[in-house]
Amino acid sequence: MQLLADENVETEWVQALRDDGHNVVRVVDVEGLGVSATDPDVLAGATQEIEYS
C-alpha cells in the first residue's frame, strides 16, 4: 500500500509506518506538491496511480 503523508504528519510517524513495511511518501518530497500544497492538490496526488520514490 502506498501512503501520501501530509506535511503535518510527524516524521516519527512516517518512519514508524515505513519500518512496518509501508510505502510512505511525504507531500514535501513530491514534485508538484511540496509544503504549500493545498488540500485538494494533496487529495489529487494521493488518488493518482503514481509510483512515488
N, C-alpha and C. Protein backbone atom coordinates (compact mmCIF):
# COMPACT_ATOMS: atom_id res chain seq x y z
N MET A 1 0.84 -1.17 0.00
CA MET A 1 0.00 0.00 0.00
C MET A 1 0.89 1.24 0.00
N GLN A 2 0.53 2.18 -0.82
CA GLN A 2 1.26 3.45 -0.85
C GLN A 2 0.47 4.48 -0.06
N LEU A 3 1.17 5.26 0.74
CA LEU A 3 0.55 6.31 1.52
C LEU A 3 1.23 7.64 1.22
N LEU A 4 0.44 8.68 1.13
CA LEU A 4 0.95 10.03 0.94
C LEU A 4 0.67 10.81 2.21
N ALA A 5 1.72 11.16 2.93
CA ALA A 5 1.58 11.85 4.21
C ALA A 5 1.59 13.36 4.02
N ASP A 6 0.62 14.01 4.58
CA ASP A 6 0.54 15.46 4.56
C ASP A 6 1.71 16.04 5.34
N GLU A 7 1.99 17.29 5.13
CA GLU A 7 3.12 17.95 5.79
C GLU A 7 2.97 17.97 7.31
N ASN A 8 1.76 17.79 7.82
CA ASN A 8 1.52 17.84 9.26
C ASN A 8 1.76 16.50 9.96
N VAL A 9 2.03 15.45 9.19
CA VAL A 9 2.31 14.15 9.79
C VAL A 9 3.75 14.16 10.31
N GLU A 10 3.90 13.82 11.57
CA GLU A 10 5.21 13.83 12.20
C GLU A 10 6.16 12.85 11.53
N THR A 11 7.42 13.24 11.42
CA THR A 11 8.45 12.41 10.81
C THR A 11 8.52 11.04 11.50
N GLU A 12 8.36 11.02 12.80
CA GLU A 12 8.41 9.76 13.55
C GLU A 12 7.30 8.80 13.12
N TRP A 13 6.12 9.34 12.81
CA TRP A 13 5.01 8.51 12.36
C TRP A 13 5.29 7.94 10.99
N VAL A 14 5.84 8.78 10.11
CA VAL A 14 6.18 8.33 8.76
C VAL A 14 7.22 7.21 8.87
N GLN A 15 8.23 7.40 9.69
CA GLN A 15 9.27 6.39 9.83
C GLN A 15 8.72 5.10 10.44
N ALA A 16 7.83 5.21 11.40
CA ALA A 16 7.23 4.02 12.01
C ALA A 16 6.44 3.22 10.97
N LEU A 17 5.70 3.90 10.11
CA LEU A 17 4.96 3.21 9.05
C LEU A 17 5.92 2.55 8.07
N ARG A 18 6.98 3.26 7.72
CA ARG A 18 7.99 2.69 6.82
C ARG A 18 8.64 1.46 7.46
N ASP A 19 8.94 1.54 8.74
CA ASP A 19 9.54 0.41 9.45
C ASP A 19 8.63 -0.81 9.45
N ASP A 20 7.32 -0.56 9.38
CA ASP A 20 6.34 -1.66 9.34
C ASP A 20 6.10 -2.15 7.91
N GLY A 21 6.85 -1.60 6.94
CA GLY A 21 6.78 -2.10 5.58
C GLY A 21 5.89 -1.33 4.63
N HIS A 22 5.36 -0.19 5.08
CA HIS A 22 4.50 0.60 4.21
C HIS A 22 5.33 1.56 3.36
N ASN A 23 4.85 1.82 2.16
CA ASN A 23 5.49 2.77 1.25
C ASN A 23 4.87 4.15 1.53
N VAL A 24 5.58 4.97 2.30
CA VAL A 24 5.07 6.27 2.70
C VAL A 24 5.94 7.37 2.10
N VAL A 25 5.28 8.33 1.48
CA VAL A 25 5.96 9.49 0.91
C VAL A 25 5.29 10.72 1.48
N ARG A 26 6.10 11.70 1.81
CA ARG A 26 5.57 12.98 2.31
C ARG A 26 5.33 13.92 1.15
N VAL A 27 4.30 14.75 1.26
CA VAL A 27 3.99 15.69 0.18
C VAL A 27 5.16 16.61 -0.13
N VAL A 28 5.99 16.90 0.87
CA VAL A 28 7.12 17.79 0.65
C VAL A 28 8.17 17.15 -0.27
N ASP A 29 8.10 15.83 -0.45
CA ASP A 29 9.05 15.13 -1.30
C ASP A 29 8.51 14.84 -2.69
N VAL A 30 7.30 15.29 -2.99
CA VAL A 30 6.68 15.01 -4.27
C VAL A 30 6.73 16.26 -5.14
N GLU A 31 7.36 16.12 -6.29
CA GLU A 31 7.43 17.25 -7.22
C GLU A 31 6.02 17.67 -7.61
N GLY A 32 5.76 18.95 -7.53
CA GLY A 32 4.45 19.47 -7.87
C GLY A 32 3.53 19.64 -6.67
N LEU A 33 3.90 19.11 -5.53
CA LEU A 33 3.10 19.31 -4.33
C LEU A 33 3.89 20.20 -3.38
N GLY A 34 4.68 19.63 -2.51
CA GLY A 34 5.50 20.42 -1.62
C GLY A 34 4.76 20.95 -0.42
N VAL A 35 5.45 21.77 0.34
CA VAL A 35 4.94 22.25 1.63
C VAL A 35 3.72 23.16 1.47
N SER A 36 3.57 23.82 0.36
CA SER A 36 2.45 24.75 0.18
C SER A 36 1.28 24.13 -0.57
N ALA A 37 1.27 22.81 -0.74
CA ALA A 37 0.19 22.15 -1.47
C ALA A 37 -1.14 22.33 -0.73
N THR A 38 -2.16 22.62 -1.50
CA THR A 38 -3.50 22.75 -0.93
C THR A 38 -4.09 21.37 -0.68
N ASP A 39 -5.10 21.30 0.17
CA ASP A 39 -5.75 20.02 0.44
C ASP A 39 -6.28 19.36 -0.83
N PRO A 40 -6.93 20.11 -1.74
CA PRO A 40 -7.39 19.47 -2.98
C PRO A 40 -6.23 18.92 -3.82
N ASP A 41 -5.09 19.60 -3.82
CA ASP A 41 -3.93 19.11 -4.56
C ASP A 41 -3.36 17.84 -3.92
N VAL A 42 -3.33 17.81 -2.60
CA VAL A 42 -2.84 16.62 -1.90
C VAL A 42 -3.77 15.44 -2.19
N LEU A 43 -5.06 15.67 -2.14
CA LEU A 43 -6.02 14.61 -2.44
C LEU A 43 -5.86 14.11 -3.87
N ALA A 44 -5.69 15.03 -4.81
CA ALA A 44 -5.49 14.63 -6.20
C ALA A 44 -4.21 13.82 -6.35
N GLY A 45 -3.15 14.23 -5.69
CA GLY A 45 -1.90 13.50 -5.74
C GLY A 45 -2.01 12.12 -5.12
N ALA A 46 -2.79 12.01 -4.05
CA ALA A 46 -2.94 10.73 -3.36
C ALA A 46 -3.77 9.74 -4.17
N THR A 47 -4.65 10.22 -5.02
CA THR A 47 -5.52 9.33 -5.76
C THR A 47 -4.96 8.94 -7.13
N GLN A 48 -3.87 9.57 -7.52
CA GLN A 48 -3.25 9.21 -8.80
C GLN A 48 -2.49 7.91 -8.67
N GLU A 49 -2.44 7.16 -9.74
CA GLU A 49 -1.68 5.91 -9.75
C GLU A 49 -0.24 6.23 -10.09
N ILE A 50 0.50 6.78 -9.12
CA ILE A 50 1.87 7.20 -9.31
C ILE A 50 2.77 6.36 -8.41
N GLU A 51 3.92 6.00 -8.93
CA GLU A 51 4.91 5.33 -8.11
C GLU A 51 5.79 6.42 -7.52
N TYR A 52 5.62 6.69 -6.23
CA TYR A 52 6.42 7.71 -5.56
C TYR A 52 7.78 7.12 -5.24
N SER A 53 8.78 7.96 -5.31
CA SER A 53 10.13 7.49 -4.98
C SER A 53 10.62 8.15 -3.72
